[in-house]
Amino acid sequence: MRRFRHALLPAALVLAACAQPAAQGNDWQLDRETSSVGFVSIKSGEIAEAHHFTNLTGSVAEDGTAELLIALDSVETGIEIRNERMREHFFQTGEYPQARLTAQIDLAALTGL
């Protein structure tokens, strides 16, 4: 999972923009309807293909601690056999079922936008 840390860390920042205050408390929860995390793969050295994950959860706490959880087995490439190969060979979801990203967000600066 180390190899994904740098590529997916910006997604934690997107979480702040896509989060909504929860009904209880002051924590913000990821809006699953309008949020997405995607990535691009290169096929044959020159063909770019966009993919995404369908199962995301996340929150931003009162202290600005943000967390994004990505169920890696929810990868969607548009081709089922490719989904299976990505799960098994690339993400190794048997060993690494989810990616967990954390960040510290300055909520005062965010609410001041």
Protein backbone atom coordinates (compact mmCIF):
# COMPACT_ATOMS: atom_id res chain seq x y z
CA MET A 1 0.00 0.00 0.00
CA ARG A 2 3.00 2.30 0.34
CA ARG A 3 3.10 2.81 -3.41
CA PHE A 4 -0.34 4.51 -3.33
CA ARG A 5 0.37 6.92 -0.49
CA HIS A 6 1.74 9.76 -2.61
CA ALA A 7 -0.70 9.26 -5.47
CA LEU A 8 -3.84 9.30 -3.33
CA LEU A 9 -2.92 11.77 -0.59
CA PRO A 10 -4.45 14.74 -2.47
CA ALA A 11 -7.78 12.89 -2.24
CA ALA A 12 -7.83 13.63 1.48
CA LEU A 13 -7.85 17.33 0.69
CA VAL A 14 -10.76 16.83 -1.69
CA LEU A 15 -12.60 15.24 1.22
CA ALA A 16 -12.83 18.60 2.96
CA ALA A 17 -14.47 20.17 -0.06
CA CYS A 18 -16.91 17.27 -0.49
CA ALA A 19 -17.84 16.83 3.15
CA GLN A 20 -21.02 18.03 4.79
CA PRO A 21 -21.66 18.63 8.49
CA ALA A 22 -23.16 15.54 10.11
CA ALA A 23 -26.56 15.75 11.74
CA GLN A 24 -25.08 14.90 15.15
CA GLY A 25 -22.01 16.74 16.38
CA ASN A 26 -19.72 19.01 14.42
CA ASP A 27 -17.84 16.39 12.41
CA TRP A 28 -18.26 16.49 8.65
CA GLN A 29 -19.06 13.30 6.72
CA LEU A 30 -18.19 12.47 3.15
CA ASP A 31 -21.08 12.99 0.76
CA ARG A 32 -21.02 9.66 -1.09
CA GLU A 33 -23.41 10.89 -3.78
CA THR A 34 -21.17 13.71 -5.01
CA SER A 35 -17.68 12.52 -4.05
CA SER A 36 -15.31 10.43 -6.10
CA VAL A 37 -11.72 9.24 -6.20
CA GLY A 38 -10.28 8.32 -9.56
CA PHE A 39 -6.99 7.48 -11.16
CA VAL A 40 -5.57 7.02 -14.64
CA SER A 41 -3.65 4.03 -15.97
CA ILE A 42 -1.52 3.98 -19.11
CA LYS A 43 -2.03 1.02 -21.47
CA SER A 44 0.56 0.04 -24.07
CA GLY A 45 2.70 2.99 -23.05
CA GLU A 46 0.42 5.61 -24.62
CA ILE A 47 -3.31 5.03 -24.02
CA ALA A 48 -4.66 6.74 -20.89
CA GLU A 49 -7.73 5.18 -19.25
CA ALA A 50 -9.66 6.71 -16.35
CA HIS A 51 -10.91 4.54 -13.46
CA HIS A 52 -12.58 5.16 -10.11
CA PHE A 53 -13.64 3.59 -6.83
CA THR A 54 -17.31 3.11 -5.93
CA ASN A 55 -17.01 2.66 -2.15
CA LEU A 56 -15.69 5.64 -0.18
CA THR A 57 -16.20 6.82 3.37
CA GLY A 58 -14.65 9.74 5.15
CA SER A 59 -14.93 12.46 7.71
CA VAL A 60 -13.39 15.67 8.98
CA ALA A 61 -13.39 16.07 12.77
CA GLU A 62 -13.77 19.32 14.71
CA ASP A 63 -10.00 19.52 15.14
CA GLY A 64 -9.44 19.34 11.36
CA THR A 65 -8.35 15.70 11.26
CA ALA A 66 -9.52 14.30 7.93
CA GLU A 67 -9.78 10.61 7.08
CA LEU A 68 -10.69 8.99 3.78
CA LEU A 69 -11.23 5.22 3.46
CA ILE A 70 -11.24 3.66 -0.01
CA ALA A 71 -12.44 0.07 -0.41
CA LEU A 72 -9.87 -1.07 -2.97
CA ASP A 73 -12.05 -3.95 -4.14
CA SER A 74 -14.56 -1.35 -5.36
CA VAL A 75 -12.27 -0.39 -8.24
CA GLU A 76 -14.28 0.21 -11.42
CA THR A 77 -12.52 0.23 -14.78
CA GLY A 78 -15.49 -0.50 -16.99
CA ILE A 79 -14.21 -4.00 -17.80
CA GLU A 80 -14.93 -6.77 -15.27
CA ILE A 81 -11.83 -8.90 -16.03
CA ARG A 82 -9.67 -5.78 -15.63
CA ASN A 83 -11.40 -5.04 -12.31
CA GLU A 84 -10.52 -8.55 -11.13
CA ARG A 85 -6.90 -8.22 -12.26
CA MET A 86 -6.55 -4.80 -10.63
CA ARG A 87 -7.92 -6.22 -7.36
CA GLU A 88 -5.70 -9.30 -7.42
CA HIS A 89 -2.43 -8.11 -8.95
CA PHE A 90 -2.24 -4.35 -8.57
CA PHE A 91 -4.06 -3.50 -5.34
CA GLN A 92 -3.66 -6.99 -3.79
CA THR A 93 -6.97 -6.57 -1.98
CA GLY A 94 -6.61 -9.90 -0.19
CA GLU A 95 -3.75 -8.36 1.76
CA TYR A 96 -4.68 -4.66 1.51
CA PRO A 97 -8.50 -4.36 1.47
CA GLN A 98 -8.56 -0.60 1.92
CA ALA A 99 -6.50 2.53 1.56
CA ARG A 100 -6.65 4.91 4.51
CA LEU A 101 -5.62 8.50 3.96
CA THR A 102 -5.34 11.06 6.71
CA ALA A 103 -4.62 14.77 6.69
CA GLN A 104 -4.76 17.75 8.99
CA ILE A 105 -6.91 20.56 7.57
CA ASP A 106 -6.99 24.16 8.71
CA LEU A 107 -10.76 24.47 9.12
CA ALA A 108 -10.59 28.20 9.86
CA ALA A 109 -9.01 28.82 6.45
CA LEU A 110 -11.54 26.52 4.79
CA THR A 111 -14.59 28.17 6.33
CA GLY A 112 -13.16 31.55 5.40
CA LEU A 113 -13.37 30.78 1.69
